[in-house]
Amino acid sequence: MATDKELSDFLEDVERRAFKQAVYAVRKEESALDIVQDAMIKLAEKYGDKPAAELPMLFQRILQNTIRDYFRREKVRSSWISLFSSFTSKQQDQENFDAMEMIEAEPGSYGAESGQSTLERQQILDIIENEIQNLPPRQREAFLMRYWQDLNVSETAAVMGCSEGSVKTHCSRATHALAHALRAKGIYL
């Protein structure tokens, strides 16, 4: 069980990296601050009683889910705003007017993707997550800390309690194992 001090120290330590990750994902500092704050509150409320060693992985999952929730909300908001702001009285008077033809997603946004592209992207992400879960525990831990939490080699080594060389070895083996597993499924990234 993590003590209040350990939880507080963890949140203080991860705050800067989580903010950087959220800003990179959503491109808005205000929204990124809200996302990080929500993720920290969720961790403290729901998982504060977990061992301190589990907090980094739990927080990363909560942060990613909070970012996904942000994009879902934004997609819904933008579609409603587009729906109501795109209509003019001239268009509404036309006999064959179709409101769905008026709604266009912004290029490059999730809404602009075809349903097939969205499904393919989600399937690939699910496969990657499953393959990460299949990695040996130390490889998975090193991989997630280095590439998802954006820790450097020395920080990862300190958290894992091993040498920097071991971290590099674990990361290398993890990336090779993931690449091999994905190629076996016909995915080339």
C-alpha atoms as a PDB file:
ATOM      1  CA  MET A   1       0.000   0.000   0.000  1.00  0.00           C
ATOM      2  CA  ALA A   2       1.287   3.421  -0.966  1.00  0.00           C
ATOM      3  CA  THR A   3       1.413   5.926   1.864  1.00  0.00           C
ATOM      4  CA  ASP A   4       0.044   9.428   1.413  1.00  0.00           C
ATOM      5  CA  LYS A   5       3.627  10.689   1.203  1.00  0.00           C
ATOM      6  CA  GLU A   6       4.532   8.156  -1.516  1.00  0.00           C
ATOM      7  CA  LEU A   7       1.410   9.043  -3.502  1.00  0.00           C
ATOM      8  CA  SER A   8       2.100  12.761  -3.141  1.00  0.00           C
ATOM      9  CA  ASP A   9       5.754  12.328  -4.133  1.00  0.00           C
ATOM     10  CA  PHE A  10       4.764  10.223  -7.136  1.00  0.00           C
ATOM     11  CA  LEU A  11       2.227  12.793  -8.353  1.00  0.00           C
ATOM     12  CA  GLU A  12       4.711  15.617  -7.881  1.00  0.00           C
ATOM     13  CA  ASP A  13       7.359  13.690  -9.808  1.00  0.00           C
ATOM     14  CA  VAL A  14       5.097  12.705 -12.711  1.00  0.00           C
ATOM     15  CA  GLU A  15       3.258  16.019 -13.066  1.00  0.00           C
ATOM     16  CA  ARG A  16       5.679  17.706 -15.494  1.00  0.00           C
ATOM     17  CA  ARG A  17       6.004  14.692 -17.813  1.00  0.00           C
ATOM     18  CA  ALA A  18       2.253  14.067 -17.777  1.00  0.00           C
ATOM     19  CA  PHE A  19       1.594  17.698 -18.692  1.00  0.00           C
ATOM     20  CA  LYS A  20       4.106  17.501 -21.549  1.00  0.00           C
ATOM     21  CA  GLN A  21       2.472  14.314 -22.804  1.00  0.00           C
ATOM     22  CA  ALA A  22      -1.032  15.820 -22.593  1.00  0.00           C
ATOM     23  CA  VAL A  23      -0.001  19.054 -24.347  1.00  0.00           C
ATOM     24  CA  TYR A  24       1.587  17.013 -27.111  1.00  0.00           C
ATOM     25  CA  ALA A  25      -1.627  15.008 -27.502  1.00  0.00           C
ATOM     26  CA  VAL A  26      -4.256  17.771 -27.339  1.00  0.00           C
ATOM     27  CA  ARG A  27      -2.247  20.850 -28.410  1.00  0.00           C
ATOM     28  CA  LYS A  28      -3.989  23.089 -25.851  1.00  0.00           C
ATOM     29  CA  GLU A  29      -2.291  23.967 -22.567  1.00  0.00           C
ATOM     30  CA  GLU A  30      -5.549  24.681 -20.713  1.00  0.00           C
ATOM     31  CA  SER A  31      -7.064  21.361 -21.733  1.00  0.00           C
ATOM     32  CA  ALA A  32      -3.828  19.541 -20.930  1.00  0.00           C
ATOM     33  CA  LEU A  33      -3.853  20.990 -17.405  1.00  0.00           C
ATOM     34  CA  ASP A  34      -7.429  19.769 -16.921  1.00  0.00           C
ATOM     35  CA  ILE A  35      -6.554  16.324 -18.252  1.00  0.00           C
ATOM     36  CA  VAL A  36      -3.562  15.917 -15.943  1.00  0.00           C
ATOM     37  CA  GLN A  37      -5.529  17.163 -12.961  1.00  0.00           C
ATOM     38  CA  ASP A  38      -8.396  14.763 -13.693  1.00  0.00           C
ATOM     39  CA  ALA A  39      -5.973  11.853 -14.097  1.00  0.00           C
ATOM     40  CA  MET A  40      -4.254  12.670 -10.807  1.00  0.00           C
ATOM     41  CA  ILE A  41      -7.563  12.917  -8.962  1.00  0.00           C
ATOM     42  CA  LYS A  42      -8.734   9.587 -10.409  1.00  0.00           C
ATOM     43  CA  LEU A  43      -5.487   7.907  -9.368  1.00  0.00           C
ATOM     44  CA  ALA A  44      -5.685   9.283  -5.839  1.00  0.00           C
ATOM     45  CA  GLU A  45      -9.374   8.470  -5.377  1.00  0.00           C
ATOM     46  CA  LYS A  46      -9.544   5.026  -6.936  1.00  0.00           C
ATOM     47  CA  TYR A  47      -6.029   3.601  -6.716  1.00  0.00           C
ATOM     48  CA  GLY A  48      -4.376   5.424  -3.826  1.00  0.00           C
ATOM     49  CA  ASP A  49      -4.388   2.190  -1.840  1.00  0.00           C
ATOM     50  CA  LYS A  50      -2.296   0.298  -4.414  1.00  0.00           C
ATOM     51  CA  PRO A  51       1.406  -0.438  -3.866  1.00  0.00           C
ATOM     52  CA  ALA A  52       3.726   2.415  -4.871  1.00  0.00           C
ATOM     53  CA  ALA A  53       5.353   0.232  -7.542  1.00  0.00           C
ATOM     54  CA  GLU A  54       2.043  -0.044  -9.421  1.00  0.00           C
ATOM     55  CA  LEU A  55       1.315   3.694  -9.485  1.00  0.00           C
ATOM     56  CA  PRO A  56       3.331   4.563 -12.655  1.00  0.00           C
ATOM     57  CA  MET A  57       1.512   2.014 -14.829  1.00  0.00           C
ATOM     58  CA  LEU A  58      -1.892   2.846 -13.362  1.00  0.00           C
ATOM     59  CA  PHE A  59      -1.342   6.560 -13.824  1.00  0.00           C
ATOM     60  CA  GLN A  60      -0.227   6.127 -17.416  1.00  0.00           C
ATOM     61  CA  ARG A  61      -3.362   4.116 -18.244  1.00  0.00           C
ATOM     62  CA  ILE A  62      -5.595   6.681 -16.504  1.00  0.00           C
ATOM     63  CA  LEU A  63      -3.859   9.546 -18.330  1.00  0.00           C
ATOM     64  CA  GLN A  64      -4.291   7.867 -21.726  1.00  0.00           C
ATOM     65  CA  ASN A  65      -7.960   7.148 -21.041  1.00  0.00           C
ATOM     66  CA  THR A  66      -8.518  10.749 -19.924  1.00  0.00           C
ATOM     67  CA  ILE A  67      -6.938  12.008 -23.156  1.00  0.00           C
ATOM     68  CA  ARG A  68      -9.181   9.680 -25.188  1.00  0.00           C
ATOM     69  CA  ASP A  69     -12.218  10.951 -23.269  1.00  0.00           C
ATOM     70  CA  TYR A  70     -11.179  14.515 -24.116  1.00  0.00           C
ATOM     71  CA  PHE A  71     -11.097  13.696 -27.834  1.00  0.00           C
ATOM     72  CA  ARG A  72     -14.494  11.981 -27.637  1.00  0.00           C
ATOM     73  CA  ARG A  73     -16.030  15.035 -25.964  1.00  0.00           C
ATOM     74  CA  GLU A  74     -14.414  17.392 -28.485  1.00  0.00           C
ATOM     75  CA  LYS A  75     -15.720  15.335 -31.391  1.00  0.00           C
ATOM     76  CA  VAL A  76     -19.261  15.479 -30.047  1.00  0.00           C
ATOM     77  CA  ARG A  77     -19.008  19.219 -29.308  1.00  0.00           C
ATOM     78  CA  SER A  78     -17.632  20.068 -32.719  1.00  0.00           C
ATOM     79  CA  SER A  79     -20.266  18.023 -34.532  1.00  0.00           C
ATOM     80  CA  TRP A  80     -23.093  19.795 -32.672  1.00  0.00           C
ATOM     81  CA  ILE A  81     -21.550  23.214 -33.203  1.00  0.00           C
ATOM     82  CA  SER A  82     -21.097  22.424 -36.898  1.00  0.00           C
ATOM     83  CA  LEU A  83     -24.632  21.137 -37.105  1.00  0.00           C
ATOM     84  CA  PHE A  84     -26.234  24.290 -35.762  1.00  0.00           C
ATOM     85  CA  SER A  85     -23.887  26.882 -37.253  1.00  0.00           C
ATOM     86  CA  SER A  86     -23.797  25.527 -40.800  1.00  0.00           C
ATOM     87  CA  PHE A  87     -27.427  26.064 -41.685  1.00  0.00           C
ATOM     88  CA  THR A  88     -28.785  29.113 -43.421  1.00  0.00           C
ATOM     89  CA  SER A  89     -32.398  29.903 -44.109  1.00  0.00           C
ATOM     90  CA  LYS A  90     -31.792  29.717 -47.886  1.00  0.00           C
ATOM     91  CA  GLN A  91     -30.549  26.140 -47.598  1.00  0.00           C
ATOM     92  CA  GLN A  92     -33.401  25.145 -45.297  1.00  0.00           C
ATOM     93  CA  ASP A  93     -35.966  26.321 -47.880  1.00  0.00           C
ATOM     94  CA  GLN A  94     -34.643  23.985 -50.537  1.00  0.00           C
ATOM     95  CA  GLU A  95     -36.860  20.990 -51.207  1.00  0.00           C
ATOM     96  CA  ASN A  96     -34.108  18.314 -51.223  1.00  0.00           C
ATOM     97  CA  PHE A  97     -32.109  19.740 -48.327  1.00  0.00           C
ATOM     98  CA  ASP A  98     -30.129  17.094 -46.382  1.00  0.00           C
ATOM     99  CA  ALA A  99     -28.625  18.321 -43.113  1.00  0.00           C
ATOM    100  CA  MET A 100     -26.029  15.526 -43.053  1.00  0.00           C
ATOM    101  CA  GLU A 101     -24.499  16.858 -46.267  1.00  0.00           C
ATOM    102  CA  MET A 102     -23.721  20.118 -44.475  1.00  0.00           C
ATOM    103  CA  ILE A 103     -21.622  18.582 -41.704  1.00  0.00           C
ATOM    104  CA  GLU A 104     -17.970  18.268 -42.561  1.00  0.00           C
ATOM    105  CA  ALA A 105     -15.205  17.322 -40.202  1.00  0.00           C
ATOM    106  CA  GLU A 106     -12.037  19.381 -40.053  1.00  0.00           C
ATOM    107  CA  PRO A 107      -9.253  17.878 -42.170  1.00  0.00           C
ATOM    108  CA  GLY A 108      -6.847  15.876 -40.033  1.00  0.00           C
ATOM    109  CA  SER A 109      -9.325  15.438 -37.171  1.00  0.00           C
ATOM    110  CA  TYR A 110     -10.690  12.120 -35.998  1.00  0.00           C
ATOM    111  CA  GLY A 111     -14.025  12.964 -37.560  1.00  0.00           C
ATOM    112  CA  ALA A 112     -12.433  13.344 -40.996  1.00  0.00           C
ATOM    113  CA  GLU A 113     -11.264   9.735 -40.962  1.00  0.00           C
ATOM    114  CA  SER A 114     -13.366   7.177 -42.695  1.00  0.00           C
ATOM    115  CA  GLY A 115     -15.030   4.582 -40.524  1.00  0.00           C
ATOM    116  CA  GLN A 116     -12.694   1.971 -41.961  1.00  0.00           C
ATOM    117  CA  SER A 117      -9.580   4.004 -41.107  1.00  0.00           C
ATOM    118  CA  THR A 118     -10.793   4.582 -37.565  1.00  0.00           C
ATOM    119  CA  LEU A 119     -11.550   0.901 -37.116  1.00  0.00           C
ATOM    120  CA  GLU A 120      -8.188  -0.168 -38.553  1.00  0.00           C
ATOM    121  CA  ARG A 121      -6.320   2.280 -36.320  1.00  0.00           C
ATOM    122  CA  GLN A 122      -8.193   1.069 -33.231  1.00  0.00           C
ATOM    123  CA  GLN A 123      -7.566  -2.573 -34.142  1.00  0.00           C
ATOM    124  CA  ILE A 124      -3.837  -1.910 -34.538  1.00  0.00           C
ATOM    125  CA  LEU A 125      -3.730  -0.101 -31.190  1.00  0.00           C
ATOM    126  CA  ASP A 126      -5.541  -3.023 -29.539  1.00  0.00           C
ATOM    127  CA  ILE A 127      -3.066  -5.495 -31.068  1.00  0.00           C
ATOM    128  CA  ILE A 128      -0.118  -3.390 -29.873  1.00  0.00           C
ATOM    129  CA  GLU A 129      -1.563  -3.191 -26.349  1.00  0.00           C
ATOM    130  CA  ASN A 130      -2.123  -6.952 -26.287  1.00  0.00           C
ATOM    131  CA  GLU A 131       1.411  -7.607 -27.495  1.00  0.00           C
ATOM    132  CA  ILE A 132       2.800  -5.272 -24.844  1.00  0.00           C
ATOM    133  CA  GLN A 133       0.918  -7.296 -22.231  1.00  0.00           C
ATOM    134  CA  ASN A 134       2.591 -10.453 -23.595  1.00  0.00           C
ATOM    135  CA  LEU A 135       6.100  -9.097 -22.985  1.00  0.00           C
ATOM    136  CA  PRO A 136       8.032 -10.410 -19.982  1.00  0.00           C
ATOM    137  CA  PRO A 137       7.391  -8.149 -16.961  1.00  0.00           C
ATOM    138  CA  ARG A 138      10.804  -6.440 -16.871  1.00  0.00           C
ATOM    139  CA  GLN A 139      10.778  -5.759 -20.627  1.00  0.00           C
ATOM    140  CA  ARG A 140       7.232  -4.410 -20.424  1.00  0.00           C
ATOM    141  CA  GLU A 141       8.141  -2.205 -17.463  1.00  0.00           C
ATOM    142  CA  ALA A 142      11.233  -0.775 -19.188  1.00  0.00           C
ATOM    143  CA  PHE A 143       9.373  -0.274 -22.480  1.00  0.00           C
ATOM    144  CA  LEU A 144       6.436   1.551 -20.886  1.00  0.00           C
ATOM    145  CA  MET A 145       8.628   3.785 -18.770  1.00  0.00           C
ATOM    146  CA  ARG A 146      10.909   4.732 -21.640  1.00  0.00           C
ATOM    147  CA  TYR A 147       8.422   5.145 -24.477  1.00  0.00           C
ATOM    148  CA  TRP A 148       5.067   5.855 -22.838  1.00  0.00           C
ATOM    149  CA  GLN A 149       6.111   7.754 -19.736  1.00  0.00           C
ATOM    150  CA  ASP A 150       9.011   9.417 -21.546  1.00  0.00           C
ATOM    151  CA  LEU A 151      11.541   8.680 -18.807  1.00  0.00           C
ATOM    152  CA  ASN A 152      15.200   8.745 -19.802  1.00  0.00           C
ATOM    153  CA  VAL A 153      17.476   5.716 -19.329  1.00  0.00           C
ATOM    154  CA  SER A 154      18.875   6.805 -15.980  1.00  0.00           C
ATOM    155  CA  GLU A 155      15.422   7.622 -14.542  1.00  0.00           C
ATOM    156  CA  THR A 156      14.093   4.264 -15.713  1.00  0.00           C
ATOM    157  CA  ALA A 157      17.089   2.457 -14.217  1.00  0.00           C
ATOM    158  CA  ALA A 158      16.527   4.197 -10.882  1.00  0.00           C
ATOM    159  CA  VAL A 159      12.821   3.287 -10.806  1.00  0.00           C
ATOM    160  CA  MET A 160      13.482  -0.323 -11.854  1.00  0.00           C
ATOM    161  CA  GLY A 161      16.445  -0.712  -9.494  1.00  0.00           C
ATOM    162  CA  CYS A 162      18.831  -1.919 -12.185  1.00  0.00           C
ATOM    163  CA  SER A 163      21.689  -0.620 -14.319  1.00  0.00           C
ATOM    164  CA  GLU A 164      21.265   1.625 -17.348  1.00  0.00           C
ATOM    165  CA  GLY A 165      22.651  -1.172 -19.506  1.00  0.00           C
ATOM    166  CA  SER A 166      19.887  -3.479 -18.284  1.00  0.00           C
ATOM    167  CA  VAL A 167      17.271  -0.879 -19.193  1.00  0.00           C
ATOM    168  CA  LYS A 168      18.717  -0.581 -22.700  1.00  0.00           C
ATOM    169  CA  THR A 169      18.754  -4.376 -23.063  1.00  0.00           C
ATOM    170  CA  HIS A 170      15.151  -4.720 -21.843  1.00  0.00           C
ATOM    171  CA  CYS A 171      13.976  -1.945 -24.179  1.00  0.00           C
ATOM    172  CA  SER A 172      15.831  -3.392 -27.146  1.00  0.00           C
ATOM    173  CA  ARG A 173      14.413  -6.866 -26.563  1.00  0.00           C
ATOM    174  CA  ALA A 174      10.926  -5.453 -26.063  1.00  0.00           C
ATOM    175  CA  THR A 175      10.985  -3.428 -29.295  1.00  0.00           C
ATOM    176  CA  HIS A 176      12.347  -6.391 -31.260  1.00  0.00           C
ATOM    177  CA  ALA A 177       9.712  -8.716 -29.772  1.00  0.00           C
ATOM    178  CA  LEU A 178       6.930  -6.222 -30.544  1.00  0.00           C
ATOM    179  CA  ALA A 179       8.178  -5.644 -34.087  1.00  0.00           C
ATOM    180  CA  HIS A 180       8.387  -9.398 -34.694  1.00  0.00           C
ATOM    181  CA  ALA A 181       4.892 -10.011 -33.252  1.00  0.00           C
ATOM    182  CA  LEU A 182       3.375  -7.183 -35.302  1.00  0.00           C
ATOM    183  CA  ARG A 183       5.094  -8.292 -38.525  1.00  0.00           C
ATOM    184  CA  ALA A 184       3.735 -11.804 -37.900  1.00  0.00           C
ATOM    185  CA  LYS A 185       0.260 -10.252 -37.908  1.00  0.00           C
ATOM    186  CA  GLY A 186       0.951  -8.300 -41.104  1.00  0.00           C
ATOM    187  CA  ILE A 187       1.466  -4.918 -39.425  1.00  0.00           C
ATOM    188  CA  TYR A 188       4.470  -2.908 -40.546  1.00  0.00           C
ATOM    189  CA  LEU A 189       4.956   0.365 -38.699  1.00  0.00           C
END
